[in-house]
Amino acid sequence: MTEQEFQAYLEGAGRRDEVLGALRKLGFDPGFIVRNVLTGVPVTVSRVAMLWQGMPNKHDRKRTRQLFEILTGLGLLTPAGDDETWRPANIPAGGSVV
């Protein structure tokens, strides 16, 4: 998914402004999310927090988990069964909302 597809997905879900505001409040930008989270492979809280902050503390990991929960609510990620790992959800081609 590209940043443009991500923005279009949010727009199609009717939650663009709400989600982008929440992401900014957490400290994440859409470019980082597309490059490091929505990559099509499973992601972990620790790995993404490390990419984001270098040496993350418990607050950084908490905000990363909140990011994953937002993306899960949008149908972009699915919890893998533990508190650490998420995997990509099946997204239609072009990132459009079904």
Protein backbone atom coordinates (compact mmCIF):
# COMPACT_ATOMS: atom_id res chain seq x y z
CA MET A 1 0.00 0.00 0.00
CA THR A 2 1.30 3.43 -0.90
CA GLU A 3 0.76 6.57 1.14
CA GLN A 4 -1.75 7.75 -1.48
CA GLU A 5 -3.66 4.45 -1.24
CA PHE A 6 -3.64 4.73 2.54
CA GLN A 7 -5.09 8.25 2.37
CA ALA A 8 -7.71 7.04 -0.15
CA TYR A 9 -8.59 4.11 2.12
CA LEU A 10 -9.15 6.50 5.04
CA GLU A 11 -11.22 8.79 2.82
CA GLY A 12 -13.31 5.85 1.60
CA ALA A 13 -13.92 4.78 5.19
CA GLY A 14 -15.12 8.32 5.96
CA ARG A 15 -12.59 8.62 8.78
CA ARG A 16 -9.64 10.41 7.19
CA ASP A 17 -9.55 13.49 9.43
CA GLU A 18 -10.35 11.55 12.60
CA VAL A 19 -7.66 8.91 11.99
CA LEU A 20 -4.98 11.32 10.80
CA GLY A 21 -5.61 13.45 13.90
CA ALA A 22 -5.27 10.41 16.16
CA LEU A 23 -2.07 9.34 14.38
CA ARG A 24 -0.56 12.83 14.74
CA LYS A 25 -1.49 12.87 18.43
CA LEU A 26 0.38 9.57 18.87
CA GLY A 27 3.34 10.95 16.89
CA PHE A 28 3.05 8.87 13.71
CA ASP A 29 2.91 10.16 10.14
CA PRO A 30 1.28 8.28 7.26
CA GLY A 31 4.59 7.83 5.41
CA PHE A 32 6.14 6.00 8.36
CA ILE A 33 3.06 3.80 8.73
CA VAL A 34 3.05 2.80 5.06
CA ARG A 35 6.81 2.13 4.98
CA ASN A 36 7.07 0.27 8.29
CA VAL A 37 3.68 -1.13 9.30
CA LEU A 38 1.53 -1.71 6.22
CA THR A 39 4.20 -3.73 4.44
CA GLY A 40 2.20 -6.89 3.76
CA VAL A 41 4.11 -8.94 6.35
CA PRO A 42 3.48 -9.50 10.09
CA VAL A 43 4.75 -6.70 12.33
CA THR A 44 5.59 -6.53 16.02
CA VAL A 45 5.16 -3.73 18.50
CA SER A 46 8.82 -3.92 19.50
CA ARG A 47 10.17 -3.77 15.94
CA VAL A 48 7.99 -0.84 14.85
CA ALA A 49 8.68 1.05 18.11
CA MET A 50 12.41 0.51 17.53
CA LEU A 51 12.18 1.83 13.96
CA TRP A 52 10.18 4.81 15.21
CA GLN A 53 12.12 5.79 18.35
CA GLY A 54 15.44 3.96 18.23
CA MET A 55 15.44 2.89 21.88
CA PRO A 56 11.73 2.83 22.77
CA ASN A 57 10.49 3.00 26.33
CA LYS A 58 7.23 1.54 27.65
CA HIS A 59 5.32 4.66 26.59
CA ASP A 60 6.59 4.39 22.99
CA ARG A 61 5.56 0.73 22.88
CA LYS A 62 2.14 1.67 24.28
CA ARG A 63 1.65 4.30 21.56
CA THR A 64 2.78 1.77 18.94
CA ARG A 65 0.21 -0.71 20.25
CA GLN A 66 -2.42 2.06 20.05
CA LEU A 67 -1.41 2.63 16.42
CA PHE A 68 -1.90 -1.08 15.71
CA GLU A 69 -5.32 -0.96 17.39
CA ILE A 70 -6.36 1.98 15.21
CA LEU A 71 -5.23 0.11 12.09
CA THR A 72 -7.07 -2.99 13.31
CA GLY A 73 -10.25 -0.93 13.73
CA LEU A 74 -9.85 0.19 10.13
CA GLY A 75 -9.53 -3.41 8.93
CA LEU A 76 -5.87 -3.04 7.93
CA LEU A 77 -4.27 -5.25 10.61
CA THR A 78 -5.36 -8.32 12.56
CA PRO A 79 -3.95 -9.38 15.95
CA ALA A 80 -1.94 -12.59 15.65
CA GLY A 81 -3.02 -13.91 19.03
CA ASP A 82 -0.43 -12.33 21.30
CA ASP A 83 0.07 -8.75 22.50
CA GLU A 84 3.14 -8.26 20.33
CA THR A 85 2.35 -9.36 16.76
CA TRP A 86 -0.14 -8.18 14.16
CA ARG A 87 -0.52 -9.39 10.59
CA PRO A 88 -1.94 -7.66 7.55
CA ALA A 89 -5.65 -8.06 6.92
CA ASN A 90 -6.85 -8.95 3.44
CA ILE A 91 -7.24 -5.65 1.68
CA PRO A 92 -8.78 -5.45 -1.78
CA ALA A 93 -6.54 -4.26 -4.63
CA GLY A 94 -6.26 -0.48 -4.69
CA GLY A 95 -6.95 -0.21 -0.97
CA SER A 96 -10.65 0.44 -1.42
CA VAL A 97 -13.15 -0.23 1.32
CA VAL A 98 -15.49 -3.20 0.78
